[in-house]
């Protein structure tokens, strides 16, 4: 195995917490209605269309036509999306800071809508440590498509085997492993810290 010199992070559920429920639990008091809404209206699967590059305006108008009684809540998805991200994953920002202090090159590949990323990125100075970040909604490529990993190697200037990729989604981890990355299935910061220490990066 080549020496690992660089670290490539996923963003959601690795660096920052993310769940649509964080927002909509503030807006829907009835637990049963909340569960139904998240299972049928603003679902992770529907949200993923924006990660893949579909414009928000198209998605919103289509969904509001299907569920007119929920139009205000559907609009809140767009205007208050940052509230679905309540804060960092415990321990992860500290790892980023330590890696940066050691001079380890940092990158990210994230499934994230382009419009939401434009509003979220300025709120998070932690990303100032990153040399480059590939955003699925900008590139219109999503993990685990092999093409997004090949784009990352090329754009980040990495040779195969030179970087460790970290993601909470096992399919994304396996795709990265098949496309030029050492990879780590993220469950918690402690386990990640241990592996990075074994690799000599921390």
C-alpha atoms as a PDB file:
ATOM      1  CA  UNK A   1       0.000   0.000   0.000  1.00  0.00           C
ATOM      2  CA  UNK A   2       1.266   3.470  -0.845  1.00  0.00           C
ATOM      3  CA  UNK A   3       2.065   5.811   1.990  1.00  0.00           C
ATOM      4  CA  UNK A   4      -1.057   7.742   2.927  1.00  0.00           C
ATOM      5  CA  UNK A   5      -0.334  11.454   3.016  1.00  0.00           C
ATOM      6  CA  UNK A   6      -3.747  13.120   2.630  1.00  0.00           C
ATOM      7  CA  UNK A   7      -7.216  12.896   4.160  1.00  0.00           C
ATOM      8  CA  UNK A   8     -10.507  13.224   2.267  1.00  0.00           C
ATOM      9  CA  UNK A   9     -13.637  13.701   4.377  1.00  0.00           C
ATOM     10  CA  UNK A  10     -17.325  13.339   3.771  1.00  0.00           C
ATOM     11  CA  UNK A  11     -19.205  16.249   5.386  1.00  0.00           C
ATOM     12  CA  UNK A  12     -22.694  15.215   6.571  1.00  0.00           C
ATOM     13  CA  UNK A  13     -22.682  12.820   9.557  1.00  0.00           C
ATOM     14  CA  UNK A  14     -18.877  12.778   9.599  1.00  0.00           C
ATOM     15  CA  UNK A  15     -17.971  16.409  10.244  1.00  0.00           C
ATOM     16  CA  UNK A  16     -21.423  17.874  10.936  1.00  0.00           C
ATOM     17  CA  UNK A  17     -24.665  16.359  12.152  1.00  0.00           C
ATOM     18  CA  UNK A  18     -27.507  16.298   9.624  1.00  0.00           C
ATOM     19  CA  UNK A  19     -31.126  15.249   9.855  1.00  0.00           C
ATOM     20  CA  UNK A  20     -34.251  16.792   8.325  1.00  0.00           C
ATOM     21  CA  UNK A  21     -35.986  16.133  11.638  1.00  0.00           C
ATOM     22  CA  UNK A  22     -33.849  18.780  13.374  1.00  0.00           C
ATOM     23  CA  UNK A  23     -35.748  21.458  11.439  1.00  0.00           C
ATOM     24  CA  UNK A  24     -39.221  20.006  11.133  1.00  0.00           C
ATOM     25  CA  UNK A  25     -39.550  18.978  14.785  1.00  0.00           C
ATOM     26  CA  UNK A  26     -39.627  22.737  15.462  1.00  0.00           C
ATOM     27  CA  UNK A  27     -42.457  23.246  12.984  1.00  0.00           C
ATOM     28  CA  UNK A  28     -44.723  20.192  13.449  1.00  0.00           C
ATOM     29  CA  UNK A  29     -45.888  19.589  17.020  1.00  0.00           C
ATOM     30  CA  UNK A  30     -47.689  16.308  16.486  1.00  0.00           C
ATOM     31  CA  UNK A  31     -45.202  13.410  16.489  1.00  0.00           C
ATOM     32  CA  UNK A  32     -47.312  11.215  14.221  1.00  0.00           C
ATOM     33  CA  UNK A  33     -47.736  14.003  11.683  1.00  0.00           C
ATOM     34  CA  UNK A  34     -44.008  14.748  11.844  1.00  0.00           C
ATOM     35  CA  UNK A  35     -43.166  11.130  11.135  1.00  0.00           C
ATOM     36  CA  UNK A  36     -45.655  11.010   8.263  1.00  0.00           C
ATOM     37  CA  UNK A  37     -44.363  14.258   6.755  1.00  0.00           C
ATOM     38  CA  UNK A  38     -40.741  13.062   6.804  1.00  0.00           C
ATOM     39  CA  UNK A  39     -41.725   9.692   5.348  1.00  0.00           C
ATOM     40  CA  UNK A  40     -43.969  11.044   2.580  1.00  0.00           C
ATOM     41  CA  UNK A  41     -43.356  14.729   1.787  1.00  0.00           C
ATOM     42  CA  UNK A  42     -39.900  16.107   2.527  1.00  0.00           C
ATOM     43  CA  UNK A  43     -38.046  12.796   2.515  1.00  0.00           C
ATOM     44  CA  UNK A  44     -34.309  12.087   2.333  1.00  0.00           C
ATOM     45  CA  UNK A  45     -34.894  10.533  -1.094  1.00  0.00           C
ATOM     46  CA  UNK A  46     -36.604  13.676  -2.374  1.00  0.00           C
ATOM     47  CA  UNK A  47     -33.883  15.851  -0.831  1.00  0.00           C
ATOM     48  CA  UNK A  48     -31.232  13.774  -2.605  1.00  0.00           C
ATOM     49  CA  UNK A  49     -32.416  15.176  -5.952  1.00  0.00           C
ATOM     50  CA  UNK A  50     -30.846  18.505  -4.975  1.00  0.00           C
ATOM     51  CA  UNK A  51     -27.626  16.744  -3.972  1.00  0.00           C
ATOM     52  CA  UNK A  52     -27.608  15.306  -7.496  1.00  0.00           C
ATOM     53  CA  UNK A  53     -27.919  18.739  -9.097  1.00  0.00           C
ATOM     54  CA  UNK A  54     -31.631  19.366  -9.550  1.00  0.00           C
ATOM     55  CA  UNK A  55     -32.530  23.048  -8.977  1.00  0.00           C
ATOM     56  CA  UNK A  56     -34.459  23.795  -5.797  1.00  0.00           C
ATOM     57  CA  UNK A  57     -37.090  25.853  -7.589  1.00  0.00           C
ATOM     58  CA  UNK A  58     -38.160  22.865  -9.699  1.00  0.00           C
ATOM     59  CA  UNK A  59     -38.291  20.549  -6.714  1.00  0.00           C
ATOM     60  CA  UNK A  60     -40.270  22.954  -4.550  1.00  0.00           C
ATOM     61  CA  UNK A  61     -42.918  23.832  -7.121  1.00  0.00           C
ATOM     62  CA  UNK A  62     -43.478  20.177  -7.987  1.00  0.00           C
ATOM     63  CA  UNK A  63     -43.804  19.064  -4.361  1.00  0.00           C
ATOM     64  CA  UNK A  64     -46.067  21.968  -3.377  1.00  0.00           C
ATOM     65  CA  UNK A  65     -48.373  21.086  -6.261  1.00  0.00           C
ATOM     66  CA  UNK A  66     -48.581  17.537  -4.892  1.00  0.00           C
ATOM     67  CA  UNK A  67     -48.973  18.585  -1.227  1.00  0.00           C
ATOM     68  CA  UNK A  68     -50.489  22.100  -1.237  1.00  0.00           C
ATOM     69  CA  UNK A  69     -51.470  21.902   2.432  1.00  0.00           C
ATOM     70  CA  UNK A  70     -47.787  21.654   3.302  1.00  0.00           C
ATOM     71  CA  UNK A  71     -46.560  24.488   1.065  1.00  0.00           C
ATOM     72  CA  UNK A  72     -45.264  26.597   3.955  1.00  0.00           C
ATOM     73  CA  UNK A  73     -43.320  23.681   5.401  1.00  0.00           C
ATOM     74  CA  UNK A  74     -41.885  22.809   1.992  1.00  0.00           C
ATOM     75  CA  UNK A  75     -40.716  26.413   1.647  1.00  0.00           C
ATOM     76  CA  UNK A  76     -39.109  26.157   5.096  1.00  0.00           C
ATOM     77  CA  UNK A  77     -36.990  23.295   3.798  1.00  0.00           C
ATOM     78  CA  UNK A  78     -35.435  25.751   1.358  1.00  0.00           C
ATOM     79  CA  UNK A  79     -35.207  28.862   3.527  1.00  0.00           C
ATOM     80  CA  UNK A  80     -34.185  27.198   6.798  1.00  0.00           C
ATOM     81  CA  UNK A  81     -32.090  24.287   5.568  1.00  0.00           C
ATOM     82  CA  UNK A  82     -29.134  25.180   7.775  1.00  0.00           C
ATOM     83  CA  UNK A  83     -31.317  24.257  10.760  1.00  0.00           C
ATOM     84  CA  UNK A  84     -31.129  20.614   9.630  1.00  0.00           C
ATOM     85  CA  UNK A  85     -27.432  20.844  10.600  1.00  0.00           C
ATOM     86  CA  UNK A  86     -27.388  21.523  14.347  1.00  0.00           C
ATOM     87  CA  UNK A  87     -23.644  21.363  14.886  1.00  0.00           C
ATOM     88  CA  UNK A  88     -20.450  19.357  14.515  1.00  0.00           C
ATOM     89  CA  UNK A  89     -20.196  15.620  15.040  1.00  0.00           C
ATOM     90  CA  UNK A  90     -18.553  15.282  18.482  1.00  0.00           C
ATOM     91  CA  UNK A  91     -14.782  15.152  18.166  1.00  0.00           C
ATOM     92  CA  UNK A  92     -14.561  15.551  14.398  1.00  0.00           C
ATOM     93  CA  UNK A  93     -13.631  19.233  14.212  1.00  0.00           C
ATOM     94  CA  UNK A  94     -10.837  18.587  16.709  1.00  0.00           C
ATOM     95  CA  UNK A  95      -9.417  15.925  14.393  1.00  0.00           C
ATOM     96  CA  UNK A  96      -9.512  18.347  11.454  1.00  0.00           C
ATOM     97  CA  UNK A  97      -7.738  21.009  13.503  1.00  0.00           C
ATOM     98  CA  UNK A  98      -5.027  18.558  14.573  1.00  0.00           C
ATOM     99  CA  UNK A  99      -4.497  17.249  11.054  1.00  0.00           C
ATOM    100  CA  UNK A 100      -4.195  20.810   9.776  1.00  0.00           C
ATOM    101  CA  UNK A 101      -1.698  21.641  12.531  1.00  0.00           C
ATOM    102  CA  UNK A 102       0.382  18.646  11.372  1.00  0.00           C
ATOM    103  CA  UNK A 103       0.340  19.960   7.811  1.00  0.00           C
ATOM    104  CA  UNK A 104      -1.741  17.071   6.439  1.00  0.00           C
ATOM    105  CA  UNK A 105      -3.466  18.051   3.156  1.00  0.00           C
ATOM    106  CA  UNK A 106      -7.251  18.013   3.661  1.00  0.00           C
ATOM    107  CA  UNK A 107      -9.992  17.601   1.067  1.00  0.00           C
ATOM    108  CA  UNK A 108     -13.680  16.652   1.004  1.00  0.00           C
ATOM    109  CA  UNK A 109     -16.201  14.950  -1.261  1.00  0.00           C
ATOM    110  CA  UNK A 110     -19.754  15.710  -0.179  1.00  0.00           C
ATOM    111  CA  UNK A 111     -23.227  14.887  -1.449  1.00  0.00           C
ATOM    112  CA  UNK A 112     -24.659  18.359  -0.908  1.00  0.00           C
ATOM    113  CA  UNK A 113     -26.946  20.562  -2.999  1.00  0.00           C
ATOM    114  CA  UNK A 114     -25.189  23.469  -4.686  1.00  0.00           C
ATOM    115  CA  UNK A 115     -27.605  26.121  -3.426  1.00  0.00           C
ATOM    116  CA  UNK A 116     -27.526  24.771   0.114  1.00  0.00           C
ATOM    117  CA  UNK A 117     -23.734  24.514   0.085  1.00  0.00           C
ATOM    118  CA  UNK A 118     -23.465  28.164  -0.959  1.00  0.00           C
ATOM    119  CA  UNK A 119     -25.486  29.146   2.128  1.00  0.00           C
ATOM    120  CA  UNK A 120     -23.856  26.659   4.521  1.00  0.00           C
ATOM    121  CA  UNK A 121     -20.161  26.931   3.685  1.00  0.00           C
ATOM    122  CA  UNK A 122     -19.722  30.556   4.915  1.00  0.00           C
ATOM    123  CA  UNK A 123     -21.043  29.546   8.360  1.00  0.00           C
ATOM    124  CA  UNK A 124     -18.265  26.984   8.868  1.00  0.00           C
ATOM    125  CA  UNK A 125     -14.704  28.321   9.081  1.00  0.00           C
ATOM    126  CA  UNK A 126     -13.484  24.760   9.699  1.00  0.00           C
ATOM    127  CA  UNK A 127     -13.484  24.368   5.917  1.00  0.00           C
ATOM    128  CA  UNK A 128     -10.800  27.032   5.604  1.00  0.00           C
ATOM    129  CA  UNK A 129      -8.406  24.182   6.401  1.00  0.00           C
ATOM    130  CA  UNK A 130      -9.456  22.307   3.239  1.00  0.00           C
ATOM    131  CA  UNK A 131      -7.513  22.684   0.004  1.00  0.00           C
ATOM    132  CA  UNK A 132     -10.516  21.731  -2.139  1.00  0.00           C
ATOM    133  CA  UNK A 133     -14.036  20.352  -1.716  1.00  0.00           C
ATOM    134  CA  UNK A 134     -16.001  18.508  -4.393  1.00  0.00           C
ATOM    135  CA  UNK A 135     -19.741  19.188  -4.012  1.00  0.00           C
ATOM    136  CA  UNK A 136     -22.067  16.758  -5.758  1.00  0.00           C
ATOM    137  CA  UNK A 137     -24.698  19.347  -6.619  1.00  0.00           C
ATOM    138  CA  UNK A 138     -22.117  21.512  -8.362  1.00  0.00           C
ATOM    139  CA  UNK A 139     -20.563  18.646 -10.308  1.00  0.00           C
ATOM    140  CA  UNK A 140     -23.866  16.788 -10.879  1.00  0.00           C
ATOM    141  CA  UNK A 141     -22.109  13.631  -9.752  1.00  0.00           C
ATOM    142  CA  UNK A 142     -23.019  11.860  -6.506  1.00  0.00           C
ATOM    143  CA  UNK A 143     -21.323   9.258  -4.359  1.00  0.00           C
ATOM    144  CA  UNK A 144     -21.051   6.320  -4.853  1.00  0.00           C
ATOM    145  CA  UNK A 145     -20.693   6.945  -8.611  1.00  0.00           C
ATOM    146  CA  UNK A 146     -17.097   5.937  -9.472  1.00  0.00           C
ATOM    147  CA  UNK A 147     -16.773   9.089 -11.570  1.00  0.00           C
ATOM    148  CA  UNK A 148     -16.827  11.359  -8.509  1.00  0.00           C
ATOM    149  CA  UNK A 149     -13.843   9.547  -6.995  1.00  0.00           C
ATOM    150  CA  UNK A 150     -11.914   9.718 -10.249  1.00  0.00           C
ATOM    151  CA  UNK A 151     -12.686  13.438 -10.437  1.00  0.00           C
ATOM    152  CA  UNK A 152     -11.392  13.818  -6.884  1.00  0.00           C
ATOM    153  CA  UNK A 153      -8.085  12.082  -7.601  1.00  0.00           C
ATOM    154  CA  UNK A 154      -7.573  14.254 -10.652  1.00  0.00           C
ATOM    155  CA  UNK A 155      -8.622  17.558  -9.150  1.00  0.00           C
ATOM    156  CA  UNK A 156      -6.916  17.030  -5.805  1.00  0.00           C
ATOM    157  CA  UNK A 157      -3.724  15.907  -7.525  1.00  0.00           C
ATOM    158  CA  UNK A 158      -3.643  12.575  -5.694  1.00  0.00           C
ATOM    159  CA  UNK A 159      -2.177   9.280  -6.808  1.00  0.00           C
ATOM    160  CA  UNK A 160      -4.112   6.093  -6.165  1.00  0.00           C
ATOM    161  CA  UNK A 161      -3.536   4.902  -2.599  1.00  0.00           C
ATOM    162  CA  UNK A 162      -2.222   8.284  -1.432  1.00  0.00           C
ATOM    163  CA  UNK A 163      -5.318   9.364   0.511  1.00  0.00           C
ATOM    164  CA  UNK A 164      -7.736   7.961   3.056  1.00  0.00           C
ATOM    165  CA  UNK A 165     -11.413   8.683   2.397  1.00  0.00           C
ATOM    166  CA  UNK A 166     -13.801   8.843   5.376  1.00  0.00           C
ATOM    167  CA  UNK A 167     -17.591   8.413   5.058  1.00  0.00           C
ATOM    168  CA  UNK A 168     -20.461   7.197   7.241  1.00  0.00           C
ATOM    169  CA  UNK A 169     -22.168   5.490   4.273  1.00  0.00           C
ATOM    170  CA  UNK A 170     -20.721   2.029   3.653  1.00  0.00           C
ATOM    171  CA  UNK A 171     -21.595   2.072  -0.065  1.00  0.00           C
ATOM    172  CA  UNK A 172     -19.584   5.276  -0.467  1.00  0.00           C
ATOM    173  CA  UNK A 173     -16.683   3.773   1.472  1.00  0.00           C
ATOM    174  CA  UNK A 174     -16.642   0.647  -0.690  1.00  0.00           C
ATOM    175  CA  UNK A 175     -16.833   2.698  -3.890  1.00  0.00           C
ATOM    176  CA  UNK A 176     -13.922   4.842  -2.748  1.00  0.00           C
ATOM    177  CA  UNK A 177     -11.895   1.722  -1.941  1.00  0.00           C
ATOM    178  CA  UNK A 178     -12.564   0.421  -5.457  1.00  0.00           C
ATOM    179  CA  UNK A 179     -11.550   3.735  -6.999  1.00  0.00           C
ATOM    180  CA  UNK A 180      -8.142   4.611  -5.661  1.00  0.00           C
ATOM    181  CA  UNK A 181      -8.627   5.408  -1.973  1.00  0.00           C
ATOM    182  CA  UNK A 182      -7.793   3.750   1.293  1.00  0.00           C
ATOM    183  CA  UNK A 183     -11.075   4.195   3.171  1.00  0.00           C
ATOM    184  CA  UNK A 184     -12.590   4.304   6.636  1.00  0.00           C
ATOM    185  CA  UNK A 185     -16.226   3.615   7.505  1.00  0.00           C
ATOM    186  CA  UNK A 186     -16.968   6.371  10.019  1.00  0.00           C
ATOM    187  CA  UNK A 187     -18.900   5.483  13.160  1.00  0.00           C
ATOM    188  CA  UNK A 188     -17.397   7.905  15.671  1.00  0.00           C
ATOM    189  CA  UNK A 189     -14.469  10.266  16.075  1.00  0.00           C
ATOM    190  CA  UNK A 190     -12.658   7.986  18.508  1.00  0.00           C
ATOM    191  CA  UNK A 191     -12.388   5.123  16.022  1.00  0.00           C
ATOM    192  CA  UNK A 192     -11.313   7.502  13.273  1.00  0.00           C
ATOM    193  CA  UNK A 193      -8.673   9.033  15.515  1.00  0.00           C
ATOM    194  CA  UNK A 194      -7.260   5.571  16.242  1.00  0.00           C
ATOM    195  CA  UNK A 195      -6.930   4.707  12.550  1.00  0.00           C
ATOM    196  CA  UNK A 196      -5.361   8.050  11.672  1.00  0.00           C
ATOM    197  CA  UNK A 197      -2.859   7.556  14.483  1.00  0.00           C
ATOM    198  CA  UNK A 198      -1.957   4.070  13.176  1.00  0.00           C
ATOM    199  CA  UNK A 199      -1.357   5.642   9.757  1.00  0.00           C
ATOM    200  CA  UNK A 200       0.933   8.241  11.329  1.00  0.00           C
ATOM    201  CA  UNK A 201      -1.282  11.173  10.388  1.00  0.00           C
ATOM    202  CA  UNK A 202      -2.092  12.182  14.001  1.00  0.00           C
END
